[in-house]
Amino acid sequence: MVERQAELSVEMRPFISLELARPFIVRFCVVVSVYELVILGLFLMLKSLFNSAFFFLLIVVIMAVGAFLIYRNSPMLHVPLAVNINHPFMSDAELGHAVVMVRFSDRTWGDIGEGRVRLAEDELVGGSLLLRDDDTYAPLGHFSERQPSHPALKRHVTLINQAIALRDAVNGEEDTIEQARQREKMDTGLLERSWFEDEDAIEIESDGLLGMLRRD
């Protein structure tokens, strides 16, 4: 297990606040706007048939609940990842030691340390455990109430591992991407090689980024 803290320190930034997350925020706003316009249009068409305060209140509730459900089912708005100002997610400039932190199921944050991570089923309390993706498979903590096979969790872990790979490149630590790829071939394909799977707003290959960061 890793040490936890309830809040992020001032130098840490959650993924949703990064420039990388902007396309997903824009997409969410567009989808919600279209949804709200459709509901509003239906209200205007049916207003003459149901001209009452109750009908208006019902429309408002439908719009609010719909927007909440869209937000809840937008996994890239809930990535449990934070990086510090020295991480390449924040800037291309190498300013110092890069740090990656992960939010666990109890809403606390922890620095996951060296090495990449993977998911496993928690047979005691259910849901998913976050493990070190090495020979030890040491548990880091309970990660989510969802099962490891859930598509949102796969996207989150893929992004976390990309953040770890870039962190290690900046910090001059050993790159274990090739070892991880060999493990993937023997496993069930838990990790995907693109950042966001079917998310087409941003797609950056880790090898390209690492190559840019390495210096001879």
N, C-alpha and C. Protein backbone atom coordinates (compact mmCIF):
# COMPACT_ATOMS: atom_id res chain seq x y z
N MET A 1 0.83 -1.19 0.00
CA MET A 1 0.00 0.00 0.00
C MET A 1 0.88 1.26 0.00
N VAL A 2 0.31 2.36 -0.49
CA VAL A 2 1.05 3.62 -0.54
C VAL A 2 0.48 4.60 0.48
N GLU A 3 1.29 5.58 0.81
CA GLU A 3 0.83 6.62 1.73
C GLU A 3 -0.22 7.48 1.04
N ARG A 4 -1.25 7.85 1.81
CA ARG A 4 -2.37 8.62 1.25
C ARG A 4 -2.43 10.01 1.85
N GLN A 5 -3.08 10.90 1.12
CA GLN A 5 -3.40 12.22 1.64
C GLN A 5 -4.77 12.61 1.13
N ALA A 6 -5.50 13.36 1.94
CA ALA A 6 -6.88 13.69 1.61
C ALA A 6 -6.97 14.70 0.47
N GLU A 7 -6.03 15.62 0.40
CA GLU A 7 -6.06 16.67 -0.60
C GLU A 7 -4.74 16.71 -1.36
N LEU A 8 -4.80 17.22 -2.58
CA LEU A 8 -3.59 17.42 -3.37
C LEU A 8 -2.83 18.64 -2.87
N SER A 9 -1.52 18.56 -2.92
CA SER A 9 -0.70 19.72 -2.57
C SER A 9 -0.79 20.77 -3.68
N VAL A 10 -0.30 21.96 -3.39
CA VAL A 10 -0.51 23.09 -4.31
C VAL A 10 0.19 22.90 -5.65
N GLU A 11 1.26 22.11 -5.70
CA GLU A 11 1.97 21.95 -6.97
C GLU A 11 1.36 20.86 -7.86
N MET A 12 0.38 20.13 -7.34
CA MET A 12 -0.25 19.07 -8.12
C MET A 12 -1.48 19.60 -8.85
N ARG A 13 -1.73 19.04 -10.03
CA ARG A 13 -2.88 19.43 -10.84
C ARG A 13 -3.65 18.18 -11.27
N PRO A 14 -4.94 18.10 -10.98
CA PRO A 14 -5.73 16.96 -11.45
C PRO A 14 -5.86 16.98 -12.97
N PHE A 15 -6.06 15.82 -13.56
CA PHE A 15 -6.10 15.71 -15.01
C PHE A 15 -7.15 16.63 -15.63
N ILE A 16 -8.31 16.76 -15.00
CA ILE A 16 -9.39 17.53 -15.58
C ILE A 16 -9.01 19.00 -15.75
N SER A 17 -8.01 19.49 -15.00
CA SER A 17 -7.59 20.88 -15.09
C SER A 17 -6.48 21.10 -16.11
N LEU A 18 -5.99 20.03 -16.74
CA LEU A 18 -4.89 20.14 -17.68
C LEU A 18 -5.41 20.50 -19.07
N GLU A 19 -4.51 21.04 -19.88
CA GLU A 19 -4.85 21.36 -21.26
C GLU A 19 -5.26 20.11 -22.04
N LEU A 20 -4.67 18.97 -21.69
CA LEU A 20 -5.01 17.72 -22.36
C LEU A 20 -6.48 17.35 -22.22
N ALA A 21 -7.10 17.78 -21.14
CA ALA A 21 -8.49 17.42 -20.89
C ALA A 21 -9.48 18.34 -21.60
N ARG A 22 -9.00 19.45 -22.15
CA ARG A 22 -9.92 20.42 -22.74
C ARG A 22 -10.82 19.83 -23.83
N PRO A 23 -10.29 19.00 -24.76
CA PRO A 23 -11.18 18.43 -25.78
C PRO A 23 -12.34 17.63 -25.20
N PHE A 24 -12.10 16.96 -24.09
CA PHE A 24 -13.17 16.17 -23.48
C PHE A 24 -14.19 17.06 -22.78
N ILE A 25 -13.72 18.17 -22.22
CA ILE A 25 -14.64 19.12 -21.61
C ILE A 25 -15.50 19.77 -22.70
N VAL A 26 -14.87 20.14 -23.82
CA VAL A 26 -15.61 20.74 -24.92
C VAL A 26 -16.65 19.76 -25.47
N ARG A 27 -16.24 18.50 -25.63
CA ARG A 27 -17.17 17.49 -26.13
C ARG A 27 -18.35 17.34 -25.19
N PHE A 28 -18.09 17.31 -23.89
CA PHE A 28 -19.17 17.20 -22.92
C PHE A 28 -20.12 18.39 -23.03
N CYS A 29 -19.57 19.58 -23.13
CA CYS A 29 -20.42 20.78 -23.23
C CYS A 29 -21.27 20.76 -24.49
N VAL A 30 -20.69 20.29 -25.59
CA VAL A 30 -21.46 20.21 -26.84
C VAL A 30 -22.60 19.21 -26.72
N VAL A 31 -22.31 18.04 -26.16
CA VAL A 31 -23.34 17.01 -26.02
C VAL A 31 -24.46 17.49 -25.10
N VAL A 32 -24.09 18.10 -23.98
CA VAL A 32 -25.10 18.61 -23.05
C VAL A 32 -25.93 19.72 -23.70
N SER A 33 -25.27 20.58 -24.46
CA SER A 33 -26.00 21.67 -25.11
C SER A 33 -27.02 21.14 -26.11
N VAL A 34 -26.60 20.15 -26.90
CA VAL A 34 -27.54 19.55 -27.86
C VAL A 34 -28.71 18.89 -27.15
N TYR A 35 -28.40 18.18 -26.08
CA TYR A 35 -29.45 17.53 -25.30
C TYR A 35 -30.44 18.55 -24.74
N GLU A 36 -29.91 19.63 -24.16
CA GLU A 36 -30.77 20.65 -23.57
C GLU A 36 -31.63 21.33 -24.63
N LEU A 37 -31.04 21.58 -25.81
CA LEU A 37 -31.81 22.21 -26.88
C LEU A 37 -32.95 21.32 -27.36
N VAL A 38 -32.68 20.02 -27.43
CA VAL A 38 -33.73 19.08 -27.85
C VAL A 38 -34.87 19.07 -26.84
N ILE A 39 -34.53 18.99 -25.57
CA ILE A 39 -35.56 18.99 -24.53
C ILE A 39 -36.33 20.31 -24.53
N LEU A 40 -35.60 21.41 -24.69
CA LEU A 40 -36.27 22.72 -24.72
C LEU A 40 -37.20 22.83 -25.93
N GLY A 41 -36.77 22.29 -27.06
CA GLY A 41 -37.63 22.30 -28.25
C GLY A 41 -38.90 21.50 -28.03
N LEU A 42 -38.77 20.35 -27.40
CA LEU A 42 -39.96 19.54 -27.09
C LEU A 42 -40.89 20.29 -26.15
N PHE A 43 -40.31 21.00 -25.19
CA PHE A 43 -41.12 21.77 -24.26
C PHE A 43 -41.92 22.85 -24.98
N LEU A 44 -41.27 23.55 -25.92
CA LEU A 44 -41.95 24.62 -26.64
C LEU A 44 -43.06 24.06 -27.52
N MET A 45 -42.84 22.87 -28.10
CA MET A 45 -43.87 22.28 -28.95
C MET A 45 -45.07 21.80 -28.13
N LEU A 46 -44.81 21.32 -26.91
CA LEU A 46 -45.88 20.76 -26.09
C LEU A 46 -46.43 21.77 -25.08
N LYS A 47 -45.88 22.96 -25.10
CA LYS A 47 -46.29 23.96 -24.12
C LYS A 47 -47.78 24.26 -24.18
N SER A 48 -48.32 24.33 -25.41
CA SER A 48 -49.74 24.64 -25.56
C SER A 48 -50.63 23.52 -25.03
N LEU A 49 -50.11 22.29 -25.03
CA LEU A 49 -50.91 21.16 -24.54
C LEU A 49 -50.80 21.01 -23.03
N PHE A 50 -49.66 21.35 -22.50
CA PHE A 50 -49.43 21.18 -21.06
C PHE A 50 -48.92 22.49 -20.47
N ASN A 51 -49.74 23.49 -20.51
CA ASN A 51 -49.34 24.81 -20.02
C ASN A 51 -49.58 24.89 -18.52
N SER A 52 -48.61 24.35 -17.76
CA SER A 52 -48.76 24.34 -16.31
C SER A 52 -47.39 24.41 -15.67
N ALA A 53 -47.38 24.85 -14.42
CA ALA A 53 -46.12 24.95 -13.68
C ALA A 53 -45.51 23.58 -13.45
N PHE A 54 -46.35 22.57 -13.26
CA PHE A 54 -45.84 21.22 -13.04
C PHE A 54 -45.10 20.71 -14.27
N PHE A 55 -45.65 20.96 -15.45
CA PHE A 55 -45.00 20.51 -16.68
C PHE A 55 -43.65 21.22 -16.86
N PHE A 56 -43.59 22.51 -16.56
CA PHE A 56 -42.34 23.26 -16.65
C PHE A 56 -41.30 22.69 -15.68
N LEU A 57 -41.74 22.40 -14.46
CA LEU A 57 -40.83 21.83 -13.47
C LEU A 57 -40.33 20.46 -13.92
N LEU A 58 -41.21 19.67 -14.53
CA LEU A 58 -40.81 18.35 -15.03
C LEU A 58 -39.73 18.47 -16.10
N ILE A 59 -39.87 19.43 -16.99
CA ILE A 59 -38.88 19.65 -18.04
C ILE A 59 -37.53 20.04 -17.43
N VAL A 60 -37.56 20.91 -16.43
CA VAL A 60 -36.33 21.33 -15.77
C VAL A 60 -35.64 20.14 -15.12
N VAL A 61 -36.42 19.29 -14.47
CA VAL A 61 -35.85 18.10 -13.83
C VAL A 61 -35.23 17.17 -14.86
N ILE A 62 -35.93 16.97 -15.98
CA ILE A 62 -35.41 16.10 -17.04
C ILE A 62 -34.10 16.64 -17.59
N MET A 63 -34.04 17.95 -17.78
CA MET A 63 -32.81 18.56 -18.29
C MET A 63 -31.66 18.41 -17.31
N ALA A 64 -31.94 18.62 -16.03
CA ALA A 64 -30.89 18.52 -15.02
C ALA A 64 -30.40 17.09 -14.86
N VAL A 65 -31.34 16.15 -14.79
CA VAL A 65 -30.97 14.74 -14.62
C VAL A 65 -30.20 14.24 -15.85
N GLY A 66 -30.65 14.63 -17.03
CA GLY A 66 -29.96 14.22 -18.25
C GLY A 66 -28.53 14.72 -18.29
N ALA A 67 -28.33 16.00 -17.93
CA ALA A 67 -26.98 16.56 -17.92
C ALA A 67 -26.09 15.83 -16.91
N PHE A 68 -26.66 15.50 -15.76
CA PHE A 68 -25.89 14.78 -14.74
C PHE A 68 -25.49 13.39 -15.23
N LEU A 69 -26.41 12.69 -15.89
CA LEU A 69 -26.11 11.35 -16.39
C LEU A 69 -25.04 11.38 -17.48
N ILE A 70 -25.11 12.41 -18.33
CA ILE A 70 -24.08 12.55 -19.36
C ILE A 70 -22.72 12.77 -18.71
N TYR A 71 -22.69 13.63 -17.69
CA TYR A 71 -21.43 13.89 -16.98
C TYR A 71 -20.92 12.63 -16.29
N ARG A 72 -21.83 11.91 -15.66
CA ARG A 72 -21.44 10.70 -14.93
C ARG A 72 -20.89 9.64 -15.87
N ASN A 73 -21.37 9.59 -17.09
CA ASN A 73 -20.95 8.57 -18.04
C ASN A 73 -19.91 9.10 -19.03
N SER A 74 -19.17 10.12 -18.62
CA SER A 74 -18.07 10.65 -19.42
C SER A 74 -16.77 10.31 -18.69
N PRO A 75 -16.18 9.15 -18.95
CA PRO A 75 -15.04 8.68 -18.13
C PRO A 75 -13.84 9.60 -18.17
N MET A 76 -13.62 10.32 -19.27
CA MET A 76 -12.45 11.16 -19.35
C MET A 76 -12.58 12.45 -18.54
N LEU A 77 -13.74 12.68 -17.96
CA LEU A 77 -13.91 13.80 -17.03
C LEU A 77 -13.65 13.38 -15.60
N HIS A 78 -13.38 12.10 -15.40
CA HIS A 78 -13.21 11.57 -14.03
C HIS A 78 -11.91 10.78 -13.90
N VAL A 79 -10.90 11.14 -14.64
CA VAL A 79 -9.63 10.41 -14.58
C VAL A 79 -8.99 10.64 -13.21
N PRO A 80 -8.75 9.58 -12.44
CA PRO A 80 -8.20 9.73 -11.07
C PRO A 80 -6.69 9.89 -11.09
N LEU A 81 -6.25 10.94 -11.74
CA LEU A 81 -4.82 11.15 -11.98
C LEU A 81 -4.48 12.62 -11.73
N ALA A 82 -3.31 12.85 -11.14
CA ALA A 82 -2.81 14.20 -10.96
C ALA A 82 -1.30 14.20 -11.21
N VAL A 83 -0.79 15.29 -11.73
CA VAL A 83 0.65 15.43 -11.98
C VAL A 83 1.10 16.78 -11.44
N ASN A 84 2.40 16.90 -11.21
CA ASN A 84 2.91 18.18 -10.73
C ASN A 84 3.35 19.04 -11.91
N ILE A 85 3.80 20.25 -11.64
CA ILE A 85 4.09 21.21 -12.70
C ILE A 85 5.31 20.82 -13.53
N ASN A 86 6.11 19.86 -13.06
CA ASN A 86 7.28 19.41 -13.81
C ASN A 86 6.97 18.28 -14.79
N HIS A 87 5.76 17.78 -14.76
CA HIS A 87 5.40 16.64 -15.62
C HIS A 87 5.13 17.11 -17.05
N PRO A 88 5.49 16.31 -18.06
CA PRO A 88 5.22 16.70 -19.45
C PRO A 88 3.76 16.95 -19.77
N PHE A 89 2.82 16.41 -19.01
CA PHE A 89 1.43 16.75 -19.23
C PHE A 89 1.17 18.24 -19.01
N MET A 90 2.00 18.87 -18.18
CA MET A 90 1.85 20.29 -17.90
C MET A 90 2.63 21.16 -18.87
N SER A 91 3.84 20.71 -19.22
CA SER A 91 4.71 21.52 -20.07
C SER A 91 5.76 20.64 -20.72
N ASP A 92 6.26 21.07 -21.87
CA ASP A 92 7.34 20.35 -22.54
C ASP A 92 8.69 20.63 -21.90
N ALA A 93 8.77 21.69 -21.12
CA ALA A 93 10.04 22.05 -20.49
C ALA A 93 10.33 21.15 -19.30
N GLU A 94 11.57 20.69 -19.21
CA GLU A 94 11.98 19.84 -18.10
C GLU A 94 12.46 20.74 -16.96
N LEU A 95 11.58 20.99 -16.00
CA LEU A 95 11.87 21.94 -14.94
C LEU A 95 12.42 21.28 -13.68
N GLY A 96 12.16 20.01 -13.50
CA GLY A 96 12.59 19.35 -12.28
C GLY A 96 11.98 17.96 -12.17
N HIS A 97 11.87 17.49 -10.95
CA HIS A 97 11.39 16.14 -10.68
C HIS A 97 9.88 16.05 -10.93
N ALA A 98 9.47 15.14 -11.80
CA ALA A 98 8.06 14.95 -12.12
C ALA A 98 7.42 13.96 -11.16
N VAL A 99 6.16 14.20 -10.82
CA VAL A 99 5.43 13.37 -9.86
C VAL A 99 4.07 13.00 -10.45
N VAL A 100 3.66 11.75 -10.21
CA VAL A 100 2.34 11.27 -10.61
C VAL A 100 1.63 10.75 -9.38
N MET A 101 0.39 11.17 -9.19
CA MET A 101 -0.43 10.69 -8.09
C MET A 101 -1.75 10.15 -8.62
N VAL A 102 -2.32 9.20 -7.88
CA VAL A 102 -3.57 8.54 -8.28
C VAL A 102 -4.58 8.68 -7.16
N ARG A 103 -5.85 8.87 -7.53
CA ARG A 103 -6.92 8.90 -6.54
C ARG A 103 -7.52 7.51 -6.40
N PHE A 104 -7.63 7.04 -5.15
CA PHE A 104 -8.18 5.72 -4.88
C PHE A 104 -9.68 5.81 -4.59
N SER A 105 -10.29 4.68 -4.35
CA SER A 105 -11.75 4.64 -4.21
C SER A 105 -12.25 5.41 -2.98
N ASP A 106 -11.39 5.60 -1.97
CA ASP A 106 -11.81 6.34 -0.78
C ASP A 106 -11.58 7.85 -0.94
N ARG A 107 -11.27 8.27 -2.17
CA ARG A 107 -11.09 9.68 -2.53
C ARG A 107 -9.77 10.27 -2.03
N THR A 108 -8.89 9.45 -1.49
CA THR A 108 -7.58 9.93 -1.09
C THR A 108 -6.60 9.79 -2.25
N TRP A 109 -5.52 10.56 -2.18
CA TRP A 109 -4.51 10.56 -3.24
C TRP A 109 -3.21 9.93 -2.73
N GLY A 110 -2.52 9.23 -3.63
CA GLY A 110 -1.26 8.62 -3.27
C GLY A 110 -0.26 8.65 -4.40
N ASP A 111 1.02 8.88 -4.06
CA ASP A 111 2.11 8.80 -5.03
C ASP A 111 2.42 7.31 -5.23
N ILE A 112 2.20 6.82 -6.43
CA ILE A 112 2.29 5.37 -6.66
C ILE A 112 3.72 4.89 -6.83
N GLY A 113 4.69 5.81 -6.83
CA GLY A 113 6.08 5.39 -6.85
C GLY A 113 6.54 4.83 -8.19
N GLU A 114 7.54 3.97 -8.13
CA GLU A 114 8.19 3.48 -9.34
C GLU A 114 7.36 2.38 -10.01
N GLY A 115 7.46 2.33 -11.32
CA GLY A 115 6.86 1.25 -12.08
C GLY A 115 5.42 1.51 -12.50
N ARG A 116 5.02 0.80 -13.54
CA ARG A 116 3.68 0.93 -14.08
C ARG A 116 2.69 0.15 -13.22
N VAL A 117 1.41 0.30 -13.54
CA VAL A 117 0.36 -0.29 -12.71
C VAL A 117 -0.62 -1.07 -13.58
N ARG A 118 -1.41 -1.89 -12.92
CA ARG A 118 -2.47 -2.64 -13.59
C ARG A 118 -3.59 -2.90 -12.60
N LEU A 119 -4.69 -3.45 -13.09
CA LEU A 119 -5.86 -3.73 -12.27
C LEU A 119 -5.99 -5.21 -11.99
N ALA A 120 -6.62 -5.51 -10.86
CA ALA A 120 -6.97 -6.89 -10.52
C ALA A 120 -8.25 -6.85 -9.69
N GLU A 121 -9.00 -7.91 -9.75
CA GLU A 121 -10.24 -7.97 -8.98
C GLU A 121 -9.94 -8.10 -7.49
N ASP A 122 -10.64 -7.31 -6.70
CA ASP A 122 -10.52 -7.41 -5.25
C ASP A 122 -11.51 -8.45 -4.76
N GLU A 123 -11.00 -9.62 -4.39
CA GLU A 123 -11.88 -10.73 -4.01
C GLU A 123 -12.46 -10.57 -2.62
N LEU A 124 -11.93 -9.64 -1.83
CA LEU A 124 -12.42 -9.46 -0.47
C LEU A 124 -13.61 -8.50 -0.41
N VAL A 125 -13.45 -7.31 -0.99
CA VAL A 125 -14.51 -6.30 -0.90
C VAL A 125 -15.17 -6.01 -2.23
N GLY A 126 -14.70 -6.65 -3.30
CA GLY A 126 -15.25 -6.41 -4.62
C GLY A 126 -14.61 -5.21 -5.29
N GLY A 127 -14.90 -5.04 -6.55
CA GLY A 127 -14.31 -3.94 -7.29
C GLY A 127 -12.90 -4.26 -7.76
N SER A 128 -12.09 -3.21 -7.89
CA SER A 128 -10.77 -3.36 -8.49
C SER A 128 -9.66 -2.87 -7.56
N LEU A 129 -8.58 -3.61 -7.55
CA LEU A 129 -7.35 -3.22 -6.87
C LEU A 129 -6.37 -2.67 -7.90
N LEU A 130 -5.55 -1.71 -7.48
CA LEU A 130 -4.46 -1.24 -8.31
C LEU A 130 -3.18 -1.93 -7.84
N LEU A 131 -2.49 -2.59 -8.77
CA LEU A 131 -1.29 -3.36 -8.47
C LEU A 131 -0.10 -2.80 -9.23
N ARG A 132 1.09 -3.08 -8.72
CA ARG A 132 2.29 -2.81 -9.48
C ARG A 132 2.39 -3.82 -10.62
N ASP A 133 2.69 -3.33 -11.81
CA ASP A 133 2.79 -4.21 -12.97
C ASP A 133 4.23 -4.70 -13.11
N ASP A 134 4.66 -5.50 -12.12
CA ASP A 134 5.99 -6.09 -12.16
C ASP A 134 5.90 -7.51 -11.62
N ASP A 135 7.02 -8.07 -11.27
CA ASP A 135 7.03 -9.45 -10.80
C ASP A 135 6.38 -9.62 -9.44
N THR A 136 6.27 -8.53 -8.68
CA THR A 136 5.70 -8.64 -7.33
C THR A 136 4.19 -8.52 -7.31
N TYR A 137 3.62 -7.77 -8.25
CA TYR A 137 2.17 -7.48 -8.27
C TYR A 137 1.71 -6.98 -6.90
N ALA A 138 2.52 -6.11 -6.29
CA ALA A 138 2.20 -5.59 -4.96
C ALA A 138 0.96 -4.70 -5.02
N PRO A 139 0.00 -4.89 -4.12
CA PRO A 139 -1.21 -4.05 -4.11
C PRO A 139 -0.89 -2.63 -3.66
N LEU A 140 -1.45 -1.65 -4.36
CA LEU A 140 -1.27 -0.25 -4.01
C LEU A 140 -2.48 0.31 -3.27
N GLY A 141 -3.64 -0.27 -3.52
CA GLY A 141 -4.85 0.19 -2.85
C GLY A 141 -6.09 -0.14 -3.66
N HIS A 142 -7.24 0.00 -3.01
CA HIS A 142 -8.51 -0.24 -3.70
C HIS A 142 -8.79 0.93 -4.63
N PHE A 143 -8.99 0.62 -5.90
CA PHE A 143 -9.03 1.66 -6.93
C PHE A 143 -10.46 2.08 -7.30
N SER A 144 -11.37 1.12 -7.41
CA SER A 144 -12.71 1.46 -7.88
C SER A 144 -13.70 0.38 -7.46
N GLU A 145 -14.97 0.77 -7.38
CA GLU A 145 -16.03 -0.19 -7.13
C GLU A 145 -16.36 -1.01 -8.37
N ARG A 146 -15.90 -0.55 -9.51
CA ARG A 146 -16.15 -1.24 -10.77
C ARG A 146 -15.19 -2.42 -10.95
N GLN A 147 -15.58 -3.32 -11.82
CA GLN A 147 -14.74 -4.47 -12.13
C GLN A 147 -13.57 -4.06 -13.04
N PRO A 148 -12.46 -4.79 -12.99
CA PRO A 148 -11.29 -4.43 -13.82
C PRO A 148 -11.58 -4.39 -15.31
N SER A 149 -12.59 -5.13 -15.76
CA SER A 149 -12.90 -5.17 -17.18
C SER A 149 -13.71 -3.97 -17.66
N HIS A 150 -14.10 -3.09 -16.76
CA HIS A 150 -14.92 -1.94 -17.16
C HIS A 150 -14.13 -1.04 -18.11
N PRO A 151 -14.73 -0.64 -19.24
CA PRO A 151 -13.99 0.18 -20.22
C PRO A 151 -13.43 1.47 -19.65
N ALA A 152 -14.16 2.13 -18.76
CA ALA A 152 -13.67 3.39 -18.19
C ALA A 152 -12.40 3.16 -17.39
N LEU A 153 -12.34 2.07 -16.63
CA LEU A 153 -11.14 1.78 -15.84
C LEU A 153 -9.95 1.48 -16.74
N LYS A 154 -10.20 0.81 -17.83
CA LYS A 154 -9.12 0.51 -18.77
C LYS A 154 -8.54 1.81 -19.33
N ARG A 155 -9.41 2.75 -19.67
CA ARG A 155 -8.92 4.04 -20.17
C ARG A 155 -8.11 4.76 -19.10
N HIS A 156 -8.61 4.74 -17.87
CA HIS A 156 -7.91 5.43 -16.79
C HIS A 156 -6.53 4.84 -16.55
N VAL A 157 -6.44 3.52 -16.50
CA VAL A 157 -5.14 2.88 -16.24
C VAL A 157 -4.19 3.10 -17.41
N THR A 158 -4.71 3.09 -18.64
CA THR A 158 -3.87 3.38 -19.79
C THR A 158 -3.26 4.76 -19.67
N LEU A 159 -4.07 5.74 -19.31
CA LEU A 159 -3.58 7.11 -19.17
C LEU A 159 -2.60 7.24 -18.00
N ILE A 160 -2.89 6.56 -16.90
CA ILE A 160 -1.98 6.59 -15.75
C ILE A 160 -0.61 6.02 -16.14
N ASN A 161 -0.61 4.94 -16.88
CA ASN A 161 0.66 4.35 -17.29
C ASN A 161 1.41 5.23 -18.28
N GLN A 162 0.68 5.96 -19.13
CA GLN A 162 1.34 6.91 -20.01
C GLN A 162 1.99 8.02 -19.18
N ALA A 163 1.28 8.48 -18.16
CA ALA A 163 1.83 9.52 -17.29
C ALA A 163 3.07 9.02 -16.56
N ILE A 164 3.04 7.77 -16.11
CA ILE A 164 4.20 7.18 -15.43
C ILE A 164 5.39 7.08 -16.38
N ALA A 165 5.15 6.64 -17.62
CA ALA A 165 6.24 6.51 -18.59
C ALA A 165 6.90 7.85 -18.86
N LEU A 166 6.10 8.89 -19.01
CA LEU A 166 6.66 10.22 -19.26
C LEU A 166 7.38 10.76 -18.02
N ARG A 167 6.81 10.49 -16.86
CA ARG A 167 7.49 10.88 -15.62
C ARG A 167 8.86 10.26 -15.52
N ASP A 168 8.95 8.95 -15.80
CA ASP A 168 10.22 8.26 -15.70
C ASP A 168 11.23 8.78 -16.72
N ALA A 169 10.73 9.15 -17.92
CA ALA A 169 11.64 9.69 -18.93
C ALA A 169 12.23 11.03 -18.47
N VAL A 170 11.40 11.87 -17.89
CA VAL A 170 11.88 13.17 -17.40
C VAL A 170 12.83 13.00 -16.23
N ASN A 171 12.53 12.05 -15.35
CA ASN A 171 13.34 11.84 -14.15
C ASN A 171 14.58 11.00 -14.41
N GLY A 172 14.74 10.53 -15.65
CA GLY A 172 15.92 9.76 -15.98
C GLY A 172 15.90 8.35 -15.44
N GLU A 173 14.70 7.81 -15.15
CA GLU A 173 14.61 6.46 -14.61
C GLU A 173 14.46 5.46 -15.75
N GLU A 174 14.63 4.20 -15.41
CA GLU A 174 14.61 3.14 -16.41
C GLU A 174 13.24 3.05 -17.06
N ASP A 175 13.24 2.97 -18.38
CA ASP A 175 12.00 2.86 -19.15
C ASP A 175 11.60 1.39 -19.22
N THR A 176 10.42 1.08 -18.71
CA THR A 176 9.97 -0.32 -18.67
C THR A 176 8.85 -0.59 -19.66
N ILE A 177 8.69 0.26 -20.66
CA ILE A 177 7.58 0.08 -21.61
C ILE A 177 7.71 -1.24 -22.37
N GLU A 178 8.92 -1.56 -22.83
CA GLU A 178 9.08 -2.79 -23.59
C GLU A 178 8.75 -4.01 -22.73
N GLN A 179 9.15 -3.97 -21.46
CA GLN A 179 8.82 -5.09 -20.57
C GLN A 179 7.32 -5.19 -20.38
N ALA A 180 6.67 -4.05 -20.27
CA ALA A 180 5.22 -4.06 -20.10
C ALA A 180 4.54 -4.62 -21.33
N ARG A 181 5.05 -4.31 -22.51
CA ARG A 181 4.45 -4.83 -23.74
C ARG A 181 4.58 -6.35 -23.81
N GLN A 182 5.71 -6.86 -23.36
CA GLN A 182 5.88 -8.31 -23.35
C GLN A 182 4.88 -8.96 -22.41
N ARG A 183 4.60 -8.32 -21.25
CA ARG A 183 3.62 -8.87 -20.33
C ARG A 183 2.22 -8.81 -20.92
N GLU A 184 1.95 -7.76 -21.69
CA GLU A 184 0.63 -7.64 -22.29
C GLU A 184 0.36 -8.79 -23.25
N LYS A 185 1.37 -9.22 -23.98
CA LYS A 185 1.19 -10.31 -24.92
C LYS A 185 0.83 -11.61 -24.21
N MET A 186 1.30 -11.77 -22.98
CA MET A 186 1.01 -12.98 -22.22
C MET A 186 -0.28 -12.85 -21.42
N ASP A 187 -0.75 -11.61 -21.22
CA ASP A 187 -1.97 -11.40 -20.44
C ASP A 187 -3.18 -11.35 -21.35
N THR A 188 -4.19 -10.67 -20.89
CA THR A 188 -5.46 -10.63 -21.62
C THR A 188 -5.67 -9.31 -22.32
N GLY A 189 -4.60 -8.56 -22.55
CA GLY A 189 -4.73 -7.29 -23.24
C GLY A 189 -5.36 -6.21 -22.41
N LEU A 190 -5.05 -6.18 -21.13
CA LEU A 190 -5.65 -5.19 -20.23
C LEU A 190 -5.31 -3.77 -20.66
N LEU A 191 -4.04 -3.54 -20.97
CA LEU A 191 -3.61 -2.19 -21.34
C LEU A 191 -3.69 -2.02 -22.85
N GLU A 192 -4.08 -0.86 -23.29
CA GLU A 192 -4.13 -0.53 -24.71
C GLU A 192 -2.99 0.45 -25.00
N ARG A 193 -2.50 0.45 -26.24
CA ARG A 193 -1.33 1.25 -26.53
C ARG A 193 -1.66 2.69 -26.87
N SER A 194 -2.88 3.01 -27.21
CA SER A 194 -3.23 4.41 -27.44
C SER A 194 -3.68 5.04 -26.15
N TRP A 195 -3.70 6.35 -26.12
CA TRP A 195 -4.02 7.05 -24.88
C TRP A 195 -5.43 6.81 -24.44
N PHE A 196 -6.39 6.97 -25.36
CA PHE A 196 -7.78 7.06 -24.94
C PHE A 196 -8.67 6.05 -25.64
N GLU A 197 -8.10 4.96 -26.15
CA GLU A 197 -8.86 3.94 -26.86
C GLU A 197 -9.66 4.57 -27.98
N ASP A 198 -10.98 4.63 -27.87
CA ASP A 198 -11.79 5.13 -28.95
C ASP A 198 -11.98 6.64 -28.90
N GLU A 199 -11.29 7.32 -27.96
CA GLU A 199 -11.37 8.77 -27.91
C GLU A 199 -10.44 9.32 -28.98
N ASP A 200 -11.00 10.04 -29.98
CA ASP A 200 -10.19 10.48 -31.10
C ASP A 200 -9.76 11.93 -30.98
N ALA A 201 -10.06 12.60 -29.87
CA ALA A 201 -9.69 13.99 -29.73
C ALA A 201 -8.18 14.15 -29.60
N ILE A 202 -7.55 13.24 -28.86
CA ILE A 202 -6.10 13.27 -28.69
C ILE A 202 -5.60 11.85 -28.80
N GLU A 203 -4.59 11.63 -29.60
CA GLU A 203 -4.00 10.30 -29.67
C GLU A 203 -2.52 10.47 -29.92
N ILE A 204 -1.71 10.17 -28.90
CA ILE A 204 -0.27 10.35 -28.96
C ILE A 204 0.38 9.05 -28.58
N GLU A 205 1.27 8.57 -29.37
CA GLU A 205 1.97 7.33 -29.06
C GLU A 205 3.05 7.60 -28.03
N SER A 206 3.17 6.71 -27.05
CA SER A 206 4.13 6.90 -25.97
C SER A 206 5.56 6.89 -26.47
N ASP A 207 5.87 6.06 -27.49
CA ASP A 207 7.24 6.00 -27.99
C ASP A 207 7.68 7.34 -28.54
N GLY A 208 6.77 8.03 -29.25
CA GLY A 208 7.11 9.32 -29.82
C GLY A 208 7.42 10.34 -28.75
N LEU A 209 6.60 10.38 -27.72
CA LEU A 209 6.82 11.33 -26.64
C LEU A 209 8.11 11.02 -25.89
N LEU A 210 8.33 9.75 -25.64
CA LEU A 210 9.54 9.38 -24.91
C LEU A 210 10.78 9.68 -25.73
N GLY A 211 10.68 9.48 -27.05
CA GLY A 211 11.81 9.77 -27.88
C GLY A 211 12.17 11.25 -27.87
N MET A 212 11.14 12.10 -27.81
CA MET A 212 11.38 13.53 -27.75
C MET A 212 12.00 13.95 -26.44
N LEU A 213 11.64 13.23 -25.38
CA LEU A 213 12.12 13.61 -24.06
C LEU A 213 13.53 13.12 -23.78
N ARG A 214 13.90 11.99 -24.39
CA ARG A 214 15.25 11.46 -24.14
C ARG A 214 16.30 12.39 -24.73
N ARG A 215 17.39 12.52 -24.03
CA ARG A 215 18.49 13.33 -24.53
C ARG A 215 19.76 12.49 -24.56
N ASP A 216 20.54 12.66 -25.60
CA ASP A 216 21.78 11.90 -25.71
C ASP A 216 22.85 12.53 -24.83
